[in-house]
Amino acid sequence: MVRRLALGSIAVAFAVMALKFVAWRLTGSVALYSDALESIVNVVAAFAAFMAIRWAQQPADADHPFGHHKAELLSAVAEGVLIVIAALLIFHQAATTILNPHTIEQAGEGIAVNFVASAINGAWAFLLIRVGRRERSPALVADGKHVMSDVVTSAGVLVGLVLALATGWLILDPLLAAVVAVNILWQGWLVINESIQGLMDTALSDSEQAEVRRLIEANATGALEYHDLKSRGAGAARFVEFHLIVPAAMSVFSSHEICDRIEKAIKAGMDGMTVVIHVEPEHKRKAGGVALSAP
């Protein structure tokens, strides 16, 4: 599902780019030209997201024993950078046109074409973000946010164009393009920051960690304590590890049964989870450890 959507993004990006360049050619509007320029970046970003998702879904190998999940995070960082580049292109074109405003032609046709392109983008962005969050795909979510920033750009461009035509103040066209570029810069920073946090092995959210603790405590009958719970996310994959204290006289077989029970419960309750449990005898208890109910 994720890979199919990523591939579909390439086709949608090409179609929207073509429509926006048609709108620009009809009107000569700098704002519509800026919007079309951003669509070029969208095409490149869609290709990058597809390749990253394809790579991330490859199974672990000798060189990457923990999998290729972080490829999606690298793609998301690249998407954020491309969003920023698109904003800078818009700033440049807006500044040039502020110094030399020009007449807007065939405005009605251009606005109609741009509106159709924006409607397609809006529906696609919503789908990408929804599925990306559900499937925990950073690349898909980043691509969706990128496309959504394009929708915001287009909305601002259309407002500016209508105002410029209604008032005769042609300078509104590039000014609105510059205002929209500020919003795009902010969206780019958000995507970059979120992706970098993932690359830095940020812990799972508080709610996810709470669920892990609940599942441990509900399935650790026979154990005495657990401590040093650590977690991290890497794209669609999530990792958790902790130390489990069992009675010193407990057999390896019995302690292994407890570990299997806990691991099975966590994996069943939380998709994409890898669980590592370190079993230790009771003299390894720690201050701050979570006591469990022994039989």
C-alpha atoms as a PDB file:
ATOM      1  CA  MET A   1       0.000   0.000   0.000  1.00  0.00           C
ATOM      2  CA  VAL A   2       2.740   2.481   0.989  1.00  0.00           C
ATOM      3  CA  ARG A   3       4.855   1.720  -2.069  1.00  0.00           C
ATOM      4  CA  ARG A   4       1.858   1.974  -4.410  1.00  0.00           C
ATOM      5  CA  LEU A   5       0.937   5.376  -3.012  1.00  0.00           C
ATOM      6  CA  ALA A   6       4.536   6.567  -3.340  1.00  0.00           C
ATOM      7  CA  LEU A   7       4.533   5.484  -6.991  1.00  0.00           C
ATOM      8  CA  GLY A   8       1.179   7.187  -7.506  1.00  0.00           C
ATOM      9  CA  SER A   9       2.659  10.409  -6.096  1.00  0.00           C
ATOM     10  CA  ILE A  10       5.059  10.584  -9.032  1.00  0.00           C
ATOM     11  CA  ALA A  11       2.196  10.445 -11.547  1.00  0.00           C
ATOM     12  CA  VAL A  12       0.142  13.000  -9.587  1.00  0.00           C
ATOM     13  CA  ALA A  13       3.136  15.339  -9.254  1.00  0.00           C
ATOM     14  CA  PHE A  14       3.739  15.279 -13.025  1.00  0.00           C
ATOM     15  CA  ALA A  15       0.055  15.922 -13.783  1.00  0.00           C
ATOM     16  CA  VAL A  16      -0.198  18.824 -11.323  1.00  0.00           C
ATOM     17  CA  MET A  17       3.059  20.341 -12.574  1.00  0.00           C
ATOM     18  CA  ALA A  18       1.753  20.296 -16.153  1.00  0.00           C
ATOM     19  CA  LEU A  19      -1.497  21.997 -15.131  1.00  0.00           C
ATOM     20  CA  LYS A  20       0.312  24.713 -13.173  1.00  0.00           C
ATOM     21  CA  PHE A  21       2.653  25.536 -16.032  1.00  0.00           C
ATOM     22  CA  VAL A  22      -0.398  25.816 -18.300  1.00  0.00           C
ATOM     23  CA  ALA A  23      -1.951  28.251 -15.788  1.00  0.00           C
ATOM     24  CA  TRP A  24       1.232  30.327 -15.731  1.00  0.00           C
ATOM     25  CA  ARG A  25       1.526  30.431 -19.535  1.00  0.00           C
ATOM     26  CA  LEU A  26      -2.083  31.591 -19.801  1.00  0.00           C
ATOM     27  CA  THR A  27      -1.675  34.482 -17.355  1.00  0.00           C
ATOM     28  CA  GLY A  28       1.984  35.418 -17.081  1.00  0.00           C
ATOM     29  CA  SER A  29       1.418  35.750 -13.314  1.00  0.00           C
ATOM     30  CA  VAL A  30       4.597  35.611 -11.238  1.00  0.00           C
ATOM     31  CA  ALA A  31       2.670  34.005  -8.397  1.00  0.00           C
ATOM     32  CA  LEU A  32       1.450  31.236 -10.683  1.00  0.00           C
ATOM     33  CA  TYR A  33       4.963  30.866 -12.062  1.00  0.00           C
ATOM     34  CA  SER A  34       6.288  30.482  -8.509  1.00  0.00           C
ATOM     35  CA  ASP A  35       3.612  27.885  -7.845  1.00  0.00           C
ATOM     36  CA  ALA A  36       4.689  25.999 -10.980  1.00  0.00           C
ATOM     37  CA  LEU A  37       8.337  26.136  -9.891  1.00  0.00           C
ATOM     38  CA  GLU A  38       7.429  24.481  -6.607  1.00  0.00           C
ATOM     39  CA  SER A  39       5.747  21.702  -8.573  1.00  0.00           C
ATOM     40  CA  ILE A  40       9.103  20.793 -10.127  1.00  0.00           C
ATOM     41  CA  VAL A  41      10.427  20.266  -6.613  1.00  0.00           C
ATOM     42  CA  ASN A  42       7.348  18.132  -5.865  1.00  0.00           C
ATOM     43  CA  VAL A  43       8.214  15.806  -8.755  1.00  0.00           C
ATOM     44  CA  VAL A  44      11.785  15.369  -7.493  1.00  0.00           C
ATOM     45  CA  ALA A  45      10.516  14.819  -3.946  1.00  0.00           C
ATOM     46  CA  ALA A  46       8.014  12.189  -5.112  1.00  0.00           C
ATOM     47  CA  PHE A  47      10.807  10.246  -6.825  1.00  0.00           C
ATOM     48  CA  ALA A  48      12.968  10.500  -3.680  1.00  0.00           C
ATOM     49  CA  ALA A  49      10.135   9.273  -1.450  1.00  0.00           C
ATOM     50  CA  PHE A  50       9.410   6.294  -3.704  1.00  0.00           C
ATOM     51  CA  MET A  51      13.056   5.209  -3.808  1.00  0.00           C
ATOM     52  CA  ALA A  52      13.421   5.610  -0.031  1.00  0.00           C
ATOM     53  CA  ILE A  53      10.288   3.580   0.713  1.00  0.00           C
ATOM     54  CA  ARG A  54      11.409   0.882  -1.707  1.00  0.00           C
ATOM     55  CA  TRP A  55      14.816   0.750  -0.021  1.00  0.00           C
ATOM     56  CA  ALA A  56      13.388   0.848   3.510  1.00  0.00           C
ATOM     57  CA  GLN A  57      11.206  -2.177   2.795  1.00  0.00           C
ATOM     58  CA  GLN A  58      14.187  -4.338   1.830  1.00  0.00           C
ATOM     59  CA  PRO A  59      14.844  -7.104   4.385  1.00  0.00           C
ATOM     60  CA  ALA A  60      17.827  -6.955   6.729  1.00  0.00           C
ATOM     61  CA  ASP A  61      21.095  -8.207   5.264  1.00  0.00           C
ATOM     62  CA  ALA A  62      24.699  -8.794   6.339  1.00  0.00           C
ATOM     63  CA  ASP A  63      25.600  -5.122   5.921  1.00  0.00           C
ATOM     64  CA  HIS A  64      22.380  -3.817   7.506  1.00  0.00           C
ATOM     65  CA  PRO A  65      21.430  -6.397  10.172  1.00  0.00           C
ATOM     66  CA  PHE A  66      18.865  -4.050  11.748  1.00  0.00           C
ATOM     67  CA  GLY A  67      17.123  -3.346   8.441  1.00  0.00           C
ATOM     68  CA  HIS A  68      16.933  -0.296   6.173  1.00  0.00           C
ATOM     69  CA  HIS A  69      14.162   1.584   7.984  1.00  0.00           C
ATOM     70  CA  LYS A  70      16.049   4.865   8.349  1.00  0.00           C
ATOM     71  CA  ALA A  71      16.123   5.327   4.584  1.00  0.00           C
ATOM     72  CA  GLU A  72      12.646   6.840   4.935  1.00  0.00           C
ATOM     73  CA  LEU A  73      13.892   9.338   7.502  1.00  0.00           C
ATOM     74  CA  LEU A  74      16.738  10.392   5.214  1.00  0.00           C
ATOM     75  CA  SER A  75      14.204  10.885   2.431  1.00  0.00           C
ATOM     76  CA  ALA A  76      12.030  12.982   4.737  1.00  0.00           C
ATOM     77  CA  VAL A  77      14.999  15.246   5.544  1.00  0.00           C
ATOM     78  CA  ALA A  78      15.637  15.624   1.811  1.00  0.00           C
ATOM     79  CA  GLU A  79      11.961  16.508   1.307  1.00  0.00           C
ATOM     80  CA  GLY A  80      12.239  19.225   3.958  1.00  0.00           C
ATOM     81  CA  VAL A  81      15.304  20.664   2.210  1.00  0.00           C
ATOM     82  CA  LEU A  82      13.462  20.631  -1.127  1.00  0.00           C
ATOM     83  CA  ILE A  83      10.532  22.481   0.449  1.00  0.00           C
ATOM     84  CA  VAL A  84      12.948  25.171   1.634  1.00  0.00           C
ATOM     85  CA  ILE A  85      14.517  25.380  -1.844  1.00  0.00           C
ATOM     86  CA  ALA A  86      11.054  25.839  -3.358  1.00  0.00           C
ATOM     87  CA  ALA A  87      10.380  28.710  -0.952  1.00  0.00           C
ATOM     88  CA  LEU A  88      13.678  30.394  -1.881  1.00  0.00           C
ATOM     89  CA  LEU A  89      12.835  30.104  -5.587  1.00  0.00           C
ATOM     90  CA  ILE A  90       9.515  31.803  -4.913  1.00  0.00           C
ATOM     91  CA  PHE A  91      11.225  34.582  -2.925  1.00  0.00           C
ATOM     92  CA  HIS A  92      13.633  35.211  -5.800  1.00  0.00           C
ATOM     93  CA  GLN A  93      10.903  35.392  -8.427  1.00  0.00           C
ATOM     94  CA  ALA A  94       8.700  37.572  -6.212  1.00  0.00           C
ATOM     95  CA  ALA A  95      11.530  40.053  -5.549  1.00  0.00           C
ATOM     96  CA  THR A  96      12.289  40.302  -9.267  1.00  0.00           C
ATOM     97  CA  THR A  97       8.647  40.998 -10.135  1.00  0.00           C
ATOM     98  CA  ILE A  98       8.121  43.541  -7.330  1.00  0.00           C
ATOM     99  CA  LEU A  99      10.727  45.673  -9.113  1.00  0.00           C
ATOM    100  CA  ASN A 100       9.044  45.127 -12.478  1.00  0.00           C
ATOM    101  CA  PRO A 101       5.276  44.343 -12.187  1.00  0.00           C
ATOM    102  CA  HIS A 102       3.514  43.310 -15.387  1.00  0.00           C
ATOM    103  CA  THR A 103      -0.016  42.833 -16.706  1.00  0.00           C
ATOM    104  CA  ILE A 104      -1.888  39.591 -16.003  1.00  0.00           C
ATOM    105  CA  GLU A 105      -3.647  38.048 -19.019  1.00  0.00           C
ATOM    106  CA  GLN A 106      -6.375  35.419 -19.410  1.00  0.00           C
ATOM    107  CA  ALA A 107      -6.815  35.421 -15.643  1.00  0.00           C
ATOM    108  CA  GLY A 108     -10.068  33.480 -15.578  1.00  0.00           C
ATOM    109  CA  GLU A 109      -8.717  30.502 -17.489  1.00  0.00           C
ATOM    110  CA  GLY A 110      -5.468  30.482 -15.505  1.00  0.00           C
ATOM    111  CA  ILE A 111      -7.267  30.600 -12.162  1.00  0.00           C
ATOM    112  CA  ALA A 112      -9.570  27.745 -13.211  1.00  0.00           C
ATOM    113  CA  VAL A 113      -6.668  25.512 -14.283  1.00  0.00           C
ATOM    114  CA  ASN A 114      -4.705  26.267 -11.110  1.00  0.00           C
ATOM    115  CA  PHE A 115      -7.774  25.541  -8.970  1.00  0.00           C
ATOM    116  CA  VAL A 116      -8.187  22.102 -10.555  1.00  0.00           C
ATOM    117  CA  ALA A 117      -4.512  21.332  -9.895  1.00  0.00           C
ATOM    118  CA  SER A 118      -4.877  22.452  -6.260  1.00  0.00           C
ATOM    119  CA  ALA A 119      -7.976  20.310  -5.728  1.00  0.00           C
ATOM    120  CA  ILE A 120      -6.094  17.229  -6.997  1.00  0.00           C
ATOM    121  CA  ASN A 121      -3.137  18.058  -4.751  1.00  0.00           C
ATOM    122  CA  GLY A 122      -5.320  18.606  -1.680  1.00  0.00           C
ATOM    123  CA  ALA A 123      -7.091  15.252  -1.991  1.00  0.00           C
ATOM    124  CA  TRP A 124      -3.798  13.435  -2.624  1.00  0.00           C
ATOM    125  CA  ALA A 125      -2.003  15.141   0.283  1.00  0.00           C
ATOM    126  CA  PHE A 126      -4.788  14.137   2.679  1.00  0.00           C
ATOM    127  CA  LEU A 127      -4.536  10.515   1.535  1.00  0.00           C
ATOM    128  CA  LEU A 128      -0.732  10.425   1.829  1.00  0.00           C
ATOM    129  CA  ILE A 129      -0.688  11.864   5.342  1.00  0.00           C
ATOM    130  CA  ARG A 130      -3.507   9.633   6.597  1.00  0.00           C
ATOM    131  CA  VAL A 131      -2.024   6.397   5.231  1.00  0.00           C
ATOM    132  CA  GLY A 132       1.535   7.445   6.099  1.00  0.00           C
ATOM    133  CA  ARG A 133       0.626   7.971   9.752  1.00  0.00           C
ATOM    134  CA  ARG A 134      -1.335   4.743   9.885  1.00  0.00           C
ATOM    135  CA  GLU A 135       1.528   2.754   8.364  1.00  0.00           C
ATOM    136  CA  ARG A 136       4.202   4.778  10.241  1.00  0.00           C
ATOM    137  CA  SER A 137       5.937   5.820   7.016  1.00  0.00           C
ATOM    138  CA  PRO A 138       7.935   9.052   7.559  1.00  0.00           C
ATOM    139  CA  ALA A 139       8.665   9.375   3.838  1.00  0.00           C
ATOM    140  CA  LEU A 140       4.976   9.146   2.916  1.00  0.00           C
ATOM    141  CA  VAL A 141       3.951  11.616   5.642  1.00  0.00           C
ATOM    142  CA  ALA A 142       6.712  14.026   4.580  1.00  0.00           C
ATOM    143  CA  ASP A 143       5.607  13.745   0.955  1.00  0.00           C
ATOM    144  CA  GLY A 144       2.031  14.433   2.023  1.00  0.00           C
ATOM    145  CA  LYS A 145       3.078  17.496   4.019  1.00  0.00           C
ATOM    146  CA  HIS A 146       5.126  18.677   1.072  1.00  0.00           C
ATOM    147  CA  VAL A 147       2.134  18.370  -1.226  1.00  0.00           C
ATOM    148  CA  MET A 148      -0.057  20.084   1.387  1.00  0.00           C
ATOM    149  CA  SER A 149       2.396  23.010   1.501  1.00  0.00           C
ATOM    150  CA  ASP A 150       1.881  23.236  -2.258  1.00  0.00           C
ATOM    151  CA  VAL A 151      -1.881  23.430  -1.694  1.00  0.00           C
ATOM    152  CA  VAL A 152      -1.360  26.304   0.768  1.00  0.00           C
ATOM    153  CA  THR A 153       0.893  28.004  -1.780  1.00  0.00           C
ATOM    154  CA  SER A 154      -1.739  27.669  -4.482  1.00  0.00           C
ATOM    155  CA  ALA A 155      -4.468  29.047  -2.213  1.00  0.00           C
ATOM    156  CA  GLY A 156      -2.350  32.096  -1.379  1.00  0.00           C
ATOM    157  CA  VAL A 157      -1.457  32.566  -5.023  1.00  0.00           C
ATOM    158  CA  LEU A 158      -5.095  32.471  -6.107  1.00  0.00           C
ATOM    159  CA  VAL A 159      -6.109  34.978  -3.404  1.00  0.00           C
ATOM    160  CA  GLY A 160      -3.305  37.304  -4.460  1.00  0.00           C
ATOM    161  CA  LEU A 161      -4.220  36.991  -8.107  1.00  0.00           C
ATOM    162  CA  VAL A 162      -7.890  37.746  -7.486  1.00  0.00           C
ATOM    163  CA  LEU A 163      -6.992  40.764  -5.310  1.00  0.00           C
ATOM    164  CA  ALA A 164      -4.551  42.062  -7.902  1.00  0.00           C
ATOM    165  CA  LEU A 165      -7.219  41.842 -10.602  1.00  0.00           C
ATOM    166  CA  ALA A 166      -9.954  43.357  -8.423  1.00  0.00           C
ATOM    167  CA  THR A 167      -7.889  46.330  -7.245  1.00  0.00           C
ATOM    168  CA  GLY A 168      -5.575  46.833 -10.194  1.00  0.00           C
ATOM    169  CA  TRP A 169      -2.595  46.712  -7.798  1.00  0.00           C
ATOM    170  CA  LEU A 170      -0.354  44.345  -9.732  1.00  0.00           C
ATOM    171  CA  ILE A 171       2.248  44.411  -6.967  1.00  0.00           C
ATOM    172  CA  LEU A 172      -0.107  42.262  -4.851  1.00  0.00           C
ATOM    173  CA  ASP A 173       0.708  39.327  -7.114  1.00  0.00           C
ATOM    174  CA  PRO A 174       4.403  39.020  -6.097  1.00  0.00           C
ATOM    175  CA  LEU A 175       3.760  40.204  -2.526  1.00  0.00           C
ATOM    176  CA  LEU A 176       1.325  37.357  -1.881  1.00  0.00           C
ATOM    177  CA  ALA A 177       3.815  34.935  -3.427  1.00  0.00           C
ATOM    178  CA  ALA A 178       6.422  36.112  -0.891  1.00  0.00           C
ATOM    179  CA  VAL A 179       4.005  35.736   2.044  1.00  0.00           C
ATOM    180  CA  VAL A 180       3.185  32.177   0.980  1.00  0.00           C
ATOM    181  CA  ALA A 181       6.914  31.413   0.717  1.00  0.00           C
ATOM    182  CA  VAL A 182       7.308  32.254   4.418  1.00  0.00           C
ATOM    183  CA  ASN A 183       4.735  29.573   5.278  1.00  0.00           C
ATOM    184  CA  ILE A 184       6.512  27.076   3.037  1.00  0.00           C
ATOM    185  CA  LEU A 185       9.812  27.753   4.833  1.00  0.00           C
ATOM    186  CA  TRP A 186       8.133  26.987   8.160  1.00  0.00           C
ATOM    187  CA  GLN A 187       6.652  23.732   6.835  1.00  0.00           C
ATOM    188  CA  GLY A 188      10.051  22.723   5.515  1.00  0.00           C
ATOM    189  CA  TRP A 189      11.636  23.288   8.920  1.00  0.00           C
ATOM    190  CA  LEU A 190       8.967  21.178  10.643  1.00  0.00           C
ATOM    191  CA  VAL A 191       9.568  18.255   8.257  1.00  0.00           C
ATOM    192  CA  ILE A 192      13.365  18.485   8.656  1.00  0.00           C
ATOM    193  CA  ASN A 193      13.206  18.714  12.455  1.00  0.00           C
ATOM    194  CA  GLU A 194      10.816  15.776  12.844  1.00  0.00           C
ATOM    195  CA  SER A 195      12.942  13.590  10.578  1.00  0.00           C
ATOM    196  CA  ILE A 196      16.197  14.489  12.324  1.00  0.00           C
ATOM    197  CA  GLN A 197      14.642  13.505  15.650  1.00  0.00           C
ATOM    198  CA  GLY A 198      13.966  10.067  14.164  1.00  0.00           C
ATOM    199  CA  LEU A 199      17.539   9.752  12.904  1.00  0.00           C
ATOM    200  CA  MET A 200      18.746  10.609  16.411  1.00  0.00           C
ATOM    201  CA  ASP A 201      16.923   7.551  17.823  1.00  0.00           C
ATOM    202  CA  THR A 202      14.348   9.562  19.743  1.00  0.00           C
ATOM    203  CA  ALA A 203      12.343   7.476  22.236  1.00  0.00           C
ATOM    204  CA  LEU A 204       8.789   6.387  21.476  1.00  0.00           C
ATOM    205  CA  SER A 205       6.023   8.751  22.527  1.00  0.00           C
ATOM    206  CA  ASP A 206       4.839   8.787  26.142  1.00  0.00           C
ATOM    207  CA  SER A 207       1.615   7.010  25.166  1.00  0.00           C
ATOM    208  CA  GLU A 208       3.512   4.272  23.311  1.00  0.00           C
ATOM    209  CA  GLN A 209       5.902   3.760  26.227  1.00  0.00           C
ATOM    210  CA  ALA A 210       2.947   3.585  28.609  1.00  0.00           C
ATOM    211  CA  GLU A 211       1.413   0.868  26.442  1.00  0.00           C
ATOM    212  CA  VAL A 212       4.682  -1.091  26.444  1.00  0.00           C
ATOM    213  CA  ARG A 213       4.796  -0.917  30.255  1.00  0.00           C
ATOM    214  CA  ARG A 214       1.180  -2.041  30.512  1.00  0.00           C
ATOM    215  CA  LEU A 215       1.823  -5.050  28.292  1.00  0.00           C
ATOM    216  CA  ILE A 216       4.939  -6.021  30.248  1.00  0.00           C
ATOM    217  CA  GLU A 217       3.165  -5.850  33.593  1.00  0.00           C
ATOM    218  CA  ALA A 218       0.134  -7.748  32.297  1.00  0.00           C
ATOM    219  CA  ASN A 219       2.205 -10.635  30.920  1.00  0.00           C
ATOM    220  CA  ALA A 220       5.196 -10.978  33.272  1.00  0.00           C
ATOM    221  CA  THR A 221       3.683 -13.395  35.792  1.00  0.00           C
ATOM    222  CA  GLY A 222       6.541 -15.228  37.488  1.00  0.00           C
ATOM    223  CA  ALA A 223       9.042 -12.369  37.138  1.00  0.00           C
ATOM    224  CA  LEU A 224       9.989 -10.034  39.994  1.00  0.00           C
ATOM    225  CA  GLU A 225      10.907  -6.715  38.391  1.00  0.00           C
ATOM    226  CA  TYR A 226      11.876  -4.911  35.201  1.00  0.00           C
ATOM    227  CA  HIS A 227      14.084  -1.864  34.717  1.00  0.00           C
ATOM    228  CA  ASP A 228      16.138   0.144  32.188  1.00  0.00           C
ATOM    229  CA  LEU A 229      13.338   0.280  29.635  1.00  0.00           C
ATOM    230  CA  LYS A 230      14.613   1.882  26.418  1.00  0.00           C
ATOM    231  CA  SER A 231      12.842   2.499  23.142  1.00  0.00           C
ATOM    232  CA  ARG A 232      13.346   4.129  19.750  1.00  0.00           C
ATOM    233  CA  GLY A 233      11.629   4.442  16.411  1.00  0.00           C
ATOM    234  CA  ALA A 234      13.103   4.127  12.908  1.00  0.00           C
ATOM    235  CA  GLY A 235      10.512   4.689  10.218  1.00  0.00           C
ATOM    236  CA  ALA A 236       7.905   1.952  10.336  1.00  0.00           C
ATOM    237  CA  ALA A 237       9.989  -0.077  12.801  1.00  0.00           C
ATOM    238  CA  ARG A 238      10.007   0.359  16.584  1.00  0.00           C
ATOM    239  CA  PHE A 239      12.427  -1.097  19.083  1.00  0.00           C
ATOM    240  CA  VAL A 240      12.187  -1.685  22.823  1.00  0.00           C
ATOM    241  CA  GLU A 241      14.524  -3.386  25.277  1.00  0.00           C
ATOM    242  CA  PHE A 242      14.608  -3.836  29.044  1.00  0.00           C
ATOM    243  CA  HIS A 243      16.021  -5.971  31.863  1.00  0.00           C
ATOM    244  CA  LEU A 244      13.736  -8.553  33.477  1.00  0.00           C
ATOM    245  CA  ILE A 245      14.484  -9.824  36.993  1.00  0.00           C
ATOM    246  CA  VAL A 246      13.469 -13.419  37.801  1.00  0.00           C
ATOM    247  CA  PRO A 247      14.043 -15.624  40.902  1.00  0.00           C
ATOM    248  CA  ALA A 248      17.637 -16.913  40.993  1.00  0.00           C
ATOM    249  CA  ALA A 249      16.429 -20.521  41.192  1.00  0.00           C
ATOM    250  CA  MET A 250      14.162 -20.236  38.134  1.00  0.00           C
ATOM    251  CA  SER A 251      15.161 -22.481  35.225  1.00  0.00           C
ATOM    252  CA  VAL A 252      16.239 -21.079  31.884  1.00  0.00           C
ATOM    253  CA  PHE A 253      13.208 -22.776  30.342  1.00  0.00           C
ATOM    254  CA  SER A 254      10.757 -21.024  32.689  1.00  0.00           C
ATOM    255  CA  SER A 255      12.347 -17.595  32.338  1.00  0.00           C
ATOM    256  CA  HIS A 256      12.353 -18.004  28.573  1.00  0.00           C
ATOM    257  CA  GLU A 257       8.645 -18.804  28.655  1.00  0.00           C
ATOM    258  CA  ILE A 258       7.986 -15.497  30.449  1.00  0.00           C
ATOM    259  CA  CYS A 259      10.049 -13.605  27.870  1.00  0.00           C
ATOM    260  CA  ASP A 260       8.205 -15.275  25.001  1.00  0.00           C
ATOM    261  CA  ARG A 261       4.859 -14.366  26.554  1.00  0.00           C
ATOM    262  CA  ILE A 262       5.830 -10.704  27.000  1.00  0.00           C
ATOM    263  CA  GLU A 263       7.365 -10.428  23.534  1.00  0.00           C
ATOM    264  CA  LYS A 264       4.323 -11.998  21.884  1.00  0.00           C
ATOM    265  CA  ALA A 265       1.962  -9.615  23.710  1.00  0.00           C
ATOM    266  CA  ILE A 266       3.956  -6.505  22.767  1.00  0.00           C
ATOM    267  CA  LYS A 267       4.266  -7.519  19.119  1.00  0.00           C
ATOM    268  CA  ALA A 268       0.553  -8.346  18.927  1.00  0.00           C
ATOM    269  CA  GLY A 269      -0.433  -5.047  20.517  1.00  0.00           C
ATOM    270  CA  MET A 270       2.068  -2.804  18.722  1.00  0.00           C
ATOM    271  CA  ASP A 271       2.836  -3.436  15.046  1.00  0.00           C
ATOM    272  CA  GLY A 272       6.412  -3.278  13.808  1.00  0.00           C
ATOM    273  CA  MET A 273       7.930  -3.789  17.258  1.00  0.00           C
ATOM    274  CA  THR A 274      11.231  -5.563  17.911  1.00  0.00           C
ATOM    275  CA  VAL A 275      11.659  -6.634  21.543  1.00  0.00           C
ATOM    276  CA  VAL A 276      14.912  -7.465  23.331  1.00  0.00           C
ATOM    277  CA  ILE A 277      14.746  -8.744  26.942  1.00  0.00           C
ATOM    278  CA  HIS A 278      17.773  -9.238  29.191  1.00  0.00           C
ATOM    279  CA  VAL A 279      16.989 -11.815  31.888  1.00  0.00           C
ATOM    280  CA  GLU A 280      18.823 -11.383  35.204  1.00  0.00           C
ATOM    281  CA  PRO A 281      18.699 -13.062  38.642  1.00  0.00           C
ATOM    282  CA  GLU A 282      17.123 -11.290  41.613  1.00  0.00           C
ATOM    283  CA  HIS A 283      20.356  -9.903  43.074  1.00  0.00           C
ATOM    284  CA  LYS A 284      20.483  -7.629  39.986  1.00  0.00           C
ATOM    285  CA  ARG A 285      17.484  -5.628  41.177  1.00  0.00           C
ATOM    286  CA  LYS A 286      17.832  -1.867  40.747  1.00  0.00           C
ATOM    287  CA  ALA A 287      16.578   1.106  42.662  1.00  0.00           C
ATOM    288  CA  GLY A 288      13.788   2.574  40.580  1.00  0.00           C
ATOM    289  CA  GLY A 289      12.903  -0.757  39.017  1.00  0.00           C
ATOM    290  CA  VAL A 290       9.213  -1.629  38.566  1.00  0.00           C
ATOM    291  CA  ALA A 291       8.136  -4.448  40.898  1.00  0.00           C
ATOM    292  CA  LEU A 292       6.033  -7.228  39.390  1.00  0.00           C
ATOM    293  CA  SER A 293       3.618  -9.639  41.024  1.00  0.00           C
ATOM    294  CA  ALA A 294       5.321 -13.015  41.407  1.00  0.00           C
ATOM    295  CA  PRO A 295       3.093 -16.168  41.537  1.00  0.00           C
END
